[in-house]
Amino acid sequence: MKLLIPEQLISLANRCPAPLYLVGGSVRDFLAGFPIGAKTDWDLASPLSEDDLIAAATACRFTVRAVYPRTGTVKLQDEEGVGYEFTRFRSDSYVRGEHTPRAISFTKDVATDALRRDFRANAVYYDIAADAFVDPLGGIEDIREKRLAAVREAEKVFGEDGLRLMRLARIAAETGFSPDEEALRGARANAALIRDIAPERVFAELMLILRADTKHGGKEAPYRGLSILRAAGVLPYILPELAAGDGMAQRSDYHAHDVLEHSLLCVRHAPLEIRLAALLHDVGKPFCMARDGNFYAHPEEGARIAEEILSRLKAPKKLTAETAFLVRMHMRDFDCKMRPFKVRREIVSAGGELPRLLALKQADFTACRGDLSPAPTVVKWEKILSEMKEEGVPFTLAELSVSGLDLQREGVPAARTAEALRDLLDWCAEDGSRNGRAALLARASRFARP
């Protein structure tokens, strides 16, 4: 492992008056045979005090970015801009479920430090200077077996820190490791504690699960992580509107799965950029079934519910708006009965979201019954899109042959200019040859009338 460690870190370890260890994901991933690259998290641990660590780090030309004496944590940066987080050996005491420990006591004992961690696979230490692994709890065997087992009694481990419920699913997704049965039992017994965790922390972990195939878990990684959240009983607490679809049957001629499983499978077949929308695309179905006894209005209600969910989780506003739009639009022309001129208007209305919308339609289609062939709606829309491009259809207001100022010069009131331009864009969507100055000004004249 020493060959993969930055030289400046090796110099720091050699200068420290006590062993300096790597611990956590970097050690686990190395022992699992995963590549160690630029995005590796370098977590350091030692019996050294913060002052001793800072003195050695400064002498080795590290920059000290932050110091947290209460937790014995120091954040460093080397000359290449690589970040490191050092934490002094310690033992933690928690208020049930809270992520931040209530009381901390420092120790010189590596085994005591290991017991404050979450999983044995994350509690293997690498002594940098000695080039040796230290394994107080049998984590190396867990890594070989691709197993996630708690460092102590699982119910107590998850009861100490509710965020570990999300970490269980996320690490399993990113590594391809499987939680052992005791870990799942411990998670289920403490699932409600996720409510004590800040929503933005929950959202961050959820997004990491949705992107887990960019790590080491393979293409099934996001589906695997979401399935573990379901098996651990966490999903009803973080996404109750989605979890309400568990066991809710759908029309067997369209669907082979219940609402929740279909949603998770849609994520499985979705590209990276639309996985949040794939997860939430049918979130309106349980609500509509309870209210109406059917799913008819689920795209519109789903868009509203998706906005509520993402607002609750403090997701970025732009991502929230994009996701709600895709949820609202995902069923448009699902039966391929929409007339072409309406499809053209829908395509123009979708704007830059069209590629993501088509990707969601494809993922939704495939998730219904596992059919990997092109979705009929996508085939139809792409054919119409190709025809529109050949005709020179304007897809944005900037591509129209007239501007808002042109319309105002022809007598269109400023207050109606935006409405008139939108009308012209829709009109041209039906026939690209209409995008001529004279024709557009003639049509816009209706907006000049009192």
Protein backbone atom coordinates (compact mmCIF):
# COMPACT_ATOMS: atom_id res chain seq x y z
CA MET A 1 0.00 0.00 0.00
CA LYS A 2 2.92 2.31 0.67
CA LEU A 3 3.57 2.69 -3.06
CA LEU A 4 0.14 4.32 -3.48
CA ILE A 5 0.49 6.85 -0.66
CA PRO A 6 1.60 10.43 -1.39
CA GLU A 7 5.29 10.97 -0.54
CA GLN A 8 4.50 13.94 1.66
CA LEU A 9 2.24 11.77 3.82
CA ILE A 10 5.00 9.19 4.20
CA SER A 11 7.34 11.96 5.31
CA LEU A 12 4.78 13.06 7.90
CA ALA A 13 4.42 9.51 9.24
CA ASN A 14 8.21 9.17 9.56
CA ARG A 15 8.42 12.44 11.47
CA CYS A 16 5.61 11.72 13.94
CA PRO A 17 6.75 10.62 17.44
CA ALA A 18 4.03 7.91 17.48
CA PRO A 19 2.56 5.66 14.76
CA LEU A 20 0.41 7.43 12.20
CA TYR A 21 -2.25 5.23 10.63
CA LEU A 22 -4.50 5.32 7.60
CA VAL A 23 -7.92 3.95 8.50
CA GLY A 24 -11.36 3.59 6.93
CA GLY A 25 -12.21 3.60 3.26
CA SER A 26 -8.72 3.90 1.81
CA VAL A 27 -7.47 0.82 3.69
CA ARG A 28 -10.67 -1.13 3.06
CA ASP A 29 -10.60 -0.36 -0.66
CA PHE A 30 -6.93 -1.29 -1.01
CA LEU A 31 -7.46 -4.64 0.71
CA ALA A 32 -10.55 -5.26 -1.43
CA GLY A 33 -8.50 -4.72 -4.58
CA PHE A 34 -10.22 -1.48 -5.57
CA PRO A 35 -8.17 1.24 -7.27
CA ILE A 36 -6.80 3.99 -5.04
CA GLY A 37 -6.96 7.25 -6.95
CA ALA A 38 -7.18 11.01 -6.69
CA LYS A 39 -10.63 10.90 -5.10
CA THR A 40 -9.58 8.61 -2.26
CA ASP A 41 -10.51 9.81 1.23
CA TRP A 42 -7.33 9.87 3.32
CA ASP A 43 -8.46 9.42 6.94
CA LEU A 44 -5.66 9.41 9.49
CA ALA A 45 -5.60 8.28 13.11
CA SER A 46 -3.00 8.15 15.86
CA PRO A 47 -2.58 8.39 19.64
CA LEU A 48 -0.83 11.71 18.95
CA SER A 49 -2.36 14.91 20.31
CA GLU A 50 -3.49 17.57 17.87
CA ASP A 51 -0.56 19.78 18.87
CA ASP A 52 2.00 17.05 18.17
CA LEU A 53 0.37 16.22 14.86
CA ILE A 54 0.27 19.90 13.83
CA ALA A 55 3.94 20.38 14.74
CA ALA A 56 4.98 17.43 12.58
CA ALA A 57 2.65 18.41 9.74
CA THR A 58 3.92 21.98 9.67
CA ALA A 59 7.50 20.76 9.54
CA CYS A 60 6.54 18.61 6.54
CA ARG A 61 5.02 21.60 4.72
CA PHE A 62 1.38 20.64 5.20
CA THR A 63 -1.19 23.39 5.52
CA VAL A 64 -3.45 23.16 8.57
CA ARG A 65 -6.98 23.92 7.36
CA ALA A 66 -8.96 23.43 10.57
CA VAL A 67 -8.57 22.20 14.13
CA TYR A 68 -11.38 20.83 16.33
CA PRO A 69 -9.93 20.22 19.81
CA ARG A 70 -13.14 18.72 21.22
CA THR A 71 -13.05 15.78 18.78
CA GLY A 72 -9.27 15.71 18.33
CA THR A 73 -9.66 16.41 14.62
CA VAL A 74 -7.24 18.24 12.34
CA LYS A 75 -7.78 18.88 8.64
CA LEU A 76 -4.65 19.09 6.52
CA GLN A 77 -3.75 19.81 2.93
CA ASP A 78 -0.52 18.86 1.20
CA GLU A 79 1.36 20.84 -1.44
CA GLU A 80 -0.55 19.09 -4.23
CA GLY A 81 -3.89 20.20 -2.80
CA VAL A 82 -4.80 16.74 -1.46
CA GLY A 83 -6.86 16.83 1.75
CA TYR A 84 -6.44 14.67 4.86
CA GLU A 85 -8.49 14.36 8.02
CA PHE A 86 -6.69 13.31 11.21
CA THR A 87 -8.56 12.16 14.31
CA ARG A 88 -6.89 11.34 17.60
CA PHE A 89 -7.61 7.88 19.07
CA ARG A 90 -10.71 8.21 21.20
CA SER A 91 -13.85 6.64 22.63
CA ASP A 92 -17.27 8.21 22.07
CA SER A 93 -20.53 8.31 24.01
CA TYR A 94 -23.78 9.21 22.23
CA VAL A 95 -27.26 10.41 22.96
CA ARG A 96 -29.33 7.76 21.23
CA GLY A 97 -29.52 8.39 17.50
CA GLU A 98 -27.60 11.65 17.33
CA HIS A 99 -24.72 11.86 14.89
CA THR A 100 -22.47 13.99 17.12
CA PRO A 101 -21.05 12.27 20.22
CA ARG A 102 -22.12 13.69 23.59
CA ALA A 103 -18.86 12.87 25.34
CA ILE A 104 -15.37 12.04 24.09
CA SER A 105 -12.39 10.53 25.90
CA PHE A 106 -8.99 10.20 24.28
CA THR A 107 -7.01 6.97 24.41
CA LYS A 108 -3.67 5.47 23.37
CA ASP A 109 -5.26 2.14 22.46
CA VAL A 110 -5.97 1.33 18.82
CA ALA A 111 -8.53 -1.36 19.73
CA THR A 112 -10.52 1.15 21.76
CA ASP A 113 -10.49 3.54 18.83
CA ALA A 114 -11.63 0.75 16.51
CA LEU A 115 -14.68 0.08 18.67
CA ARG A 116 -16.01 3.59 18.13
CA ARG A 117 -16.28 3.02 14.38
CA ASP A 118 -19.21 1.56 12.46
CA PHE A 119 -18.16 -1.60 10.60
CA ARG A 120 -15.23 -3.95 11.08
CA ALA A 121 -14.30 -3.53 7.41
CA ASN A 122 -13.75 0.17 8.16
CA ALA A 123 -11.71 -0.53 11.29
CA VAL A 124 -8.49 -1.87 9.74
CA TYR A 125 -5.45 0.39 10.32
CA TYR A 126 -2.37 0.78 8.18
CA ASP A 127 0.79 1.91 9.99
CA ILE A 128 2.38 4.10 7.31
CA ALA A 129 5.93 4.19 8.66
CA ALA A 130 6.03 0.49 9.53
CA ASP A 131 4.23 -0.55 6.33
CA ALA A 132 2.03 -2.91 8.36
CA PHE A 133 -1.69 -3.52 8.84
CA VAL A 134 -3.25 -3.57 12.31
CA ASP A 135 -6.57 -5.40 12.56
CA PRO A 136 -8.02 -5.25 16.08
CA LEU A 137 -11.50 -6.57 15.22
CA GLY A 138 -11.07 -8.99 12.32
CA GLY A 139 -11.94 -6.52 9.59
CA ILE A 140 -9.58 -8.05 7.04
CA GLU A 141 -11.59 -11.26 7.03
CA ASP A 142 -14.79 -9.25 6.52
CA ILE A 143 -13.21 -7.48 3.57
CA ARG A 144 -12.19 -10.81 2.04
CA GLU A 145 -15.75 -12.09 2.50
CA LYS A 146 -17.25 -8.78 1.25
CA ARG A 147 -19.19 -8.47 4.48
CA LEU A 148 -20.40 -5.49 6.50
CA ALA A 149 -20.58 -6.38 10.17
CA ALA A 150 -20.83 -3.95 13.07
CA VAL A 151 -17.81 -3.39 15.31
CA ARG A 152 -19.93 -4.25 18.37
CA GLU A 153 -23.48 -5.37 19.02
CA ALA A 154 -25.25 -4.05 15.92
CA GLU A 155 -28.30 -2.73 17.70
CA LYS A 156 -26.08 -0.57 19.90
CA VAL A 157 -23.90 0.61 17.01
CA PHE A 158 -26.89 1.84 14.99
CA GLY A 159 -28.56 3.18 18.12
CA GLU A 160 -25.60 5.48 18.72
CA ASP A 161 -25.68 7.28 15.38
CA GLY A 162 -28.68 7.33 13.07
CA LEU A 163 -26.57 8.34 10.08
CA ARG A 164 -25.05 4.86 10.15
CA LEU A 165 -28.37 3.62 8.76
CA MET A 166 -27.67 5.51 5.54
CA ARG A 167 -23.98 4.61 5.59
CA LEU A 168 -24.84 0.90 5.73
CA ALA A 169 -26.75 1.15 2.45
CA ARG A 170 -24.31 3.54 0.84
CA ILE A 171 -21.14 1.57 1.66
CA ALA A 172 -22.81 -1.68 0.61
CA ALA A 173 -23.77 -0.05 -2.68
CA GLU A 174 -20.34 1.48 -3.32
CA THR A 175 -18.36 -1.67 -2.47
CA GLY A 176 -20.67 -4.54 -3.36
CA PHE A 177 -20.32 -5.80 0.23
CA SER A 178 -23.36 -7.37 1.93
CA PRO A 179 -24.60 -6.49 5.42
CA ASP A 180 -24.69 -9.54 7.66
CA GLU A 181 -28.02 -10.49 9.23
CA GLU A 182 -27.09 -9.01 12.59
CA ALA A 183 -26.34 -5.66 10.95
CA LEU A 184 -29.71 -5.67 9.19
CA ARG A 185 -31.49 -6.59 12.44
CA GLY A 186 -29.69 -3.79 14.24
CA ALA A 187 -30.62 -1.32 11.52
CA ARG A 188 -34.25 -2.38 11.51
CA ALA A 189 -34.43 -2.01 15.29
CA ASN A 190 -33.19 1.57 15.03
CA ALA A 191 -34.65 2.68 11.69
CA ALA A 192 -36.72 5.45 13.27
CA LEU A 193 -33.54 7.18 14.46
CA ILE A 194 -32.92 8.47 10.95
CA ARG A 195 -35.46 11.15 11.86
CA ASP A 196 -32.88 12.65 14.22
CA ILE A 197 -30.40 13.24 11.40
CA ALA A 198 -30.29 16.58 9.59
CA PRO A 199 -32.22 16.26 6.31
CA GLU A 200 -29.35 17.60 4.22
CA ARG A 201 -27.12 14.80 5.56
CA VAL A 202 -29.76 12.24 4.60
CA PHE A 203 -30.08 13.77 1.12
CA ALA A 204 -26.31 13.75 0.64
CA GLU A 205 -26.13 10.04 1.46
CA LEU A 206 -29.13 9.30 -0.76
CA MET A 207 -27.44 11.01 -3.71
CA LEU A 208 -24.27 9.02 -3.08
CA ILE A 209 -26.35 5.84 -3.22
CA LEU A 210 -27.87 6.93 -6.53
CA ARG A 211 -24.34 7.49 -7.88
CA ALA A 212 -22.77 4.43 -6.26
CA ASP A 213 -21.96 2.77 -9.58
CA THR A 214 -19.28 5.44 -10.07
CA LYS A 215 -17.40 3.75 -7.21
CA HIS A 216 -16.73 0.01 -6.98
CA GLY A 217 -20.17 -1.61 -6.67
CA GLY A 218 -20.87 -2.17 -10.37
CA LYS A 219 -23.92 -1.27 -12.40
CA GLU A 220 -26.33 -2.74 -9.84
CA ALA A 221 -24.98 -0.51 -7.07
CA PRO A 222 -27.78 2.12 -6.82
CA TYR A 223 -30.52 -0.53 -6.89
CA ARG A 224 -28.60 -2.53 -4.29
CA GLY A 225 -28.29 0.44 -1.94
CA LEU A 226 -31.96 1.38 -2.24
CA SER A 227 -32.98 -2.22 -1.64
CA ILE A 228 -30.95 -2.25 1.57
CA LEU A 229 -32.71 0.93 2.73
CA ARG A 230 -35.98 -0.90 2.13
CA ALA A 231 -34.81 -4.11 3.87
CA ALA A 232 -33.50 -2.12 6.85
CA GLY A 233 -36.82 -0.32 7.27
CA VAL A 234 -35.29 3.11 6.65
CA LEU A 235 -37.17 4.02 3.46
CA PRO A 236 -40.54 4.72 5.18
CA TYR A 237 -38.84 7.33 7.37
CA ILE A 238 -36.89 9.21 4.71
CA LEU A 239 -39.29 8.79 1.75
CA PRO A 240 -42.66 7.74 3.20
CA GLU A 241 -44.52 8.83 0.06
CA LEU A 242 -42.39 6.45 -2.01
CA ALA A 243 -42.43 3.61 0.52
CA ALA A 244 -46.24 3.72 0.48
CA GLY A 245 -46.01 1.94 -2.89
CA ASP A 246 -44.51 -1.18 -1.30
CA GLY A 247 -46.88 -4.04 -2.14
CA MET A 248 -49.22 -1.77 -4.17
CA ALA A 249 -50.19 -3.78 -7.23
CA GLN A 250 -50.29 -2.36 -10.76
CA ARG A 251 -51.94 -3.52 -13.98
CA SER A 252 -50.37 -6.85 -14.83
CA ASP A 253 -50.55 -6.22 -18.57
CA TYR A 254 -48.15 -3.28 -18.13
CA HIS A 255 -46.24 -4.08 -14.96
CA ALA A 256 -44.53 -7.11 -13.45
CA HIS A 257 -43.85 -5.36 -10.12
CA ASP A 258 -45.51 -3.31 -7.41
CA VAL A 259 -45.14 0.47 -7.37
CA LEU A 260 -42.08 0.60 -5.10
CA GLU A 261 -40.13 -2.18 -6.80
CA HIS A 262 -40.89 -0.64 -10.18
CA SER A 263 -39.48 2.68 -8.95
CA LEU A 264 -36.27 1.05 -7.72
CA LEU A 265 -35.92 -0.82 -11.00
CA CYS A 266 -36.41 2.43 -12.89
CA VAL A 267 -33.35 3.77 -11.06
CA ARG A 268 -31.50 0.62 -12.08
CA HIS A 269 -32.12 1.34 -15.76
CA ALA A 270 -31.68 5.13 -15.60
CA PRO A 271 -28.54 7.06 -16.53
CA LEU A 272 -26.76 8.96 -13.77
CA GLU A 273 -28.27 12.39 -14.44
CA ILE A 274 -31.93 11.36 -14.01
CA ARG A 275 -31.82 8.83 -11.18
CA LEU A 276 -33.49 11.09 -8.65
CA ALA A 277 -36.38 11.64 -11.09
CA ALA A 278 -36.45 7.90 -11.80
CA LEU A 279 -36.75 7.18 -8.09
CA LEU A 280 -39.61 9.65 -7.65
CA HIS A 281 -41.37 9.38 -11.03
CA ASP A 282 -44.30 7.35 -9.64
CA VAL A 283 -44.37 8.88 -6.17
CA GLY A 284 -47.86 10.23 -6.89
CA LYS A 285 -49.39 6.77 -7.36
CA PRO A 286 -49.98 5.88 -3.69
CA PHE A 287 -51.53 9.31 -3.07
CA CYS A 288 -53.83 9.04 -6.09
CA MET A 289 -54.86 5.50 -5.23
CA ALA A 290 -55.79 6.56 -1.71
CA ARG A 291 -57.69 9.62 -2.94
CA ASP A 292 -59.20 8.48 -6.23
CA GLY A 293 -58.93 4.71 -6.34
CA ASN A 294 -56.79 4.96 -9.48
CA PHE A 295 -53.44 6.29 -10.76
CA TYR A 296 -54.73 8.67 -13.44
CA ALA A 297 -53.45 11.96 -12.02
CA HIS A 298 -50.19 10.58 -10.65
CA PRO A 299 -47.79 12.59 -12.88
CA GLU A 300 -49.21 15.93 -11.77
CA GLU A 301 -49.60 14.93 -8.13
CA GLY A 302 -46.21 13.24 -8.26
CA ALA A 303 -44.55 16.47 -9.38
CA ARG A 304 -46.12 18.29 -6.44
CA ILE A 305 -45.09 15.56 -4.00
CA ALA A 306 -41.56 15.40 -5.42
CA GLU A 307 -41.19 19.13 -4.78
CA GLU A 308 -42.40 18.64 -1.20
CA ILE A 309 -39.98 15.76 -0.62
CA LEU A 310 -36.97 17.58 -2.03
CA SER A 311 -37.82 20.76 -0.16
CA ARG A 312 -38.02 18.71 3.04
CA LEU A 313 -34.60 17.20 2.30
CA LYS A 314 -33.19 20.66 1.49
CA ALA A 315 -32.18 19.64 -2.02
CA PRO A 316 -30.87 22.34 -4.38
CA LYS A 317 -33.73 24.35 -5.89
CA LYS A 318 -32.58 23.83 -9.48
CA LEU A 319 -32.44 20.06 -9.03
CA THR A 320 -35.86 20.15 -7.36
CA ALA A 321 -37.42 22.05 -10.27
CA GLU A 322 -35.81 19.78 -12.88
CA THR A 323 -36.95 16.64 -11.05
CA ALA A 324 -40.52 17.90 -10.66
CA PHE A 325 -40.65 18.74 -14.38
CA LEU A 326 -39.53 15.24 -15.38
CA VAL A 327 -41.99 13.61 -12.99
CA ARG A 328 -44.83 15.75 -14.40
CA MET A 329 -43.93 14.92 -18.02
CA HIS A 330 -42.92 11.26 -17.83
CA MET A 331 -46.30 9.87 -18.95
CA ARG A 332 -46.89 12.22 -21.88
CA ASP A 333 -47.89 10.16 -24.93
CA PHE A 334 -47.14 6.89 -23.14
CA ASP A 335 -49.70 5.13 -25.37
CA CYS A 336 -48.36 6.83 -28.54
CA LYS A 337 -51.80 8.27 -29.32
CA MET A 338 -50.83 11.93 -29.13
CA ARG A 339 -51.14 13.70 -32.47
CA PRO A 340 -47.81 14.70 -34.05
CA PHE A 341 -48.45 18.45 -33.86
CA LYS A 342 -48.97 18.13 -30.10
CA VAL A 343 -45.81 16.06 -29.73
CA ARG A 344 -43.93 18.80 -31.56
CA ARG A 345 -45.17 21.37 -29.07
CA GLU A 346 -44.23 19.11 -26.17
CA ILE A 347 -40.73 18.70 -27.60
CA VAL A 348 -40.23 22.45 -27.88
CA SER A 349 -41.74 23.00 -24.43
CA ALA A 350 -39.31 20.48 -22.89
CA GLY A 351 -36.36 22.50 -24.18
CA GLY A 352 -33.05 21.42 -22.70
CA GLU A 353 -34.78 18.81 -20.54
CA LEU A 354 -35.84 16.74 -23.57
CA PRO A 355 -32.86 14.30 -23.53
CA ARG A 356 -33.44 13.63 -19.83
CA LEU A 357 -37.17 13.24 -20.38
CA LEU A 358 -36.63 10.68 -23.13
CA ALA A 359 -34.13 8.84 -20.94
CA LEU A 360 -36.70 8.70 -18.13
CA LYS A 361 -39.37 7.42 -20.51
CA GLN A 362 -36.99 4.66 -21.62
CA ALA A 363 -36.03 3.69 -18.06
CA ASP A 364 -39.71 3.65 -17.04
CA PHE A 365 -40.60 1.43 -20.01
CA THR A 366 -37.77 -1.03 -19.31
CA ALA A 367 -38.58 -1.19 -15.60
CA CYS A 368 -42.16 -2.25 -16.30
CA ARG A 369 -41.36 -5.75 -17.54
CA GLY A 370 -37.61 -5.82 -18.14
CA ASP A 371 -37.94 -5.07 -21.85
CA LEU A 372 -34.63 -3.60 -23.06
CA SER A 373 -35.94 -2.70 -26.51
CA PRO A 374 -36.46 0.98 -27.40
CA ALA A 375 -39.59 2.40 -25.80
CA PRO A 376 -42.24 3.01 -28.49
CA THR A 377 -42.86 6.56 -27.22
CA VAL A 378 -39.15 7.35 -27.41
CA VAL A 379 -38.92 5.96 -30.95
CA LYS A 380 -41.89 8.10 -32.00
CA TRP A 381 -40.63 11.29 -30.36
CA GLU A 382 -37.09 10.89 -31.70
CA LYS A 383 -38.44 10.41 -35.23
CA ILE A 384 -40.54 13.56 -34.90
CA LEU A 385 -37.58 15.43 -33.40
CA SER A 386 -35.43 14.45 -36.39
CA GLU A 387 -38.12 15.72 -38.77
CA MET A 388 -38.32 19.00 -36.85
CA LYS A 389 -34.58 19.51 -37.11
CA GLU A 390 -34.65 18.86 -40.85
CA GLU A 391 -37.40 21.49 -41.21
CA GLY A 392 -35.40 24.05 -39.26
CA VAL A 393 -37.97 24.30 -36.47
CA PRO A 394 -36.89 26.90 -33.88
CA PHE A 395 -36.52 25.26 -30.46
CA THR A 396 -35.83 28.45 -28.50
CA LEU A 397 -37.09 32.03 -28.60
CA ALA A 398 -33.65 33.12 -29.78
CA GLU A 399 -34.09 30.99 -32.92
CA LEU A 400 -37.28 32.79 -33.96
CA SER A 401 -36.89 35.17 -36.93
CA VAL A 402 -38.35 38.03 -34.86
CA SER A 403 -37.55 39.44 -31.45
CA GLY A 404 -39.66 40.96 -28.72
CA LEU A 405 -38.53 44.40 -29.87
CA ASP A 406 -39.74 43.62 -33.40
CA LEU A 407 -43.18 42.75 -32.03
CA GLN A 408 -43.38 45.91 -29.97
CA ARG A 409 -42.54 47.98 -33.05
CA GLU A 410 -45.54 46.35 -34.73
CA GLY A 411 -47.82 47.41 -31.89
CA VAL A 412 -47.70 44.45 -29.53
CA PRO A 413 -47.84 45.82 -25.95
CA ALA A 414 -44.75 45.10 -23.82
CA ALA A 415 -46.98 43.34 -21.30
CA ARG A 416 -48.01 40.79 -23.97
CA THR A 417 -44.66 40.34 -25.72
CA ALA A 418 -43.66 37.19 -23.83
CA GLU A 419 -47.06 35.62 -24.49
CA ALA A 420 -46.83 36.46 -28.19
CA LEU A 421 -43.34 35.01 -28.55
CA ARG A 422 -44.42 31.80 -26.84
CA ASP A 423 -47.36 31.54 -29.23
CA LEU A 424 -45.05 32.01 -32.21
CA LEU A 425 -42.68 29.32 -30.96
CA ASP A 426 -45.54 26.85 -30.58
CA TRP A 427 -46.88 27.78 -34.02
CA CYS A 428 -43.49 27.18 -35.63
CA ALA A 429 -43.13 23.88 -33.80
CA GLU A 430 -45.92 22.52 -35.98
CA ASP A 431 -44.19 23.59 -39.22
CA GLY A 432 -40.64 24.89 -39.45
CA SER A 433 -41.36 26.74 -42.68
CA ARG A 434 -43.46 29.23 -40.69
CA ASN A 435 -40.32 30.74 -39.15
CA GLY A 436 -40.19 33.68 -41.51
CA ARG A 437 -40.29 37.32 -40.46
CA ALA A 438 -43.38 38.29 -42.47
CA ALA A 439 -45.42 35.27 -41.39
CA LEU A 440 -44.48 35.72 -37.75
CA LEU A 441 -45.30 39.42 -37.69
CA ALA A 442 -48.65 38.73 -39.36
CA ARG A 443 -49.55 36.14 -36.74
CA ALA A 444 -48.33 38.37 -33.89
CA SER A 445 -50.65 41.16 -35.00
CA ARG A 446 -53.49 39.50 -33.08
CA PHE A 447 -51.68 40.45 -29.86
CA ALA A 448 -51.66 44.11 -30.91
CA ARG A 449 -55.43 44.29 -30.87
CA PRO A 450 -57.07 45.87 -27.80
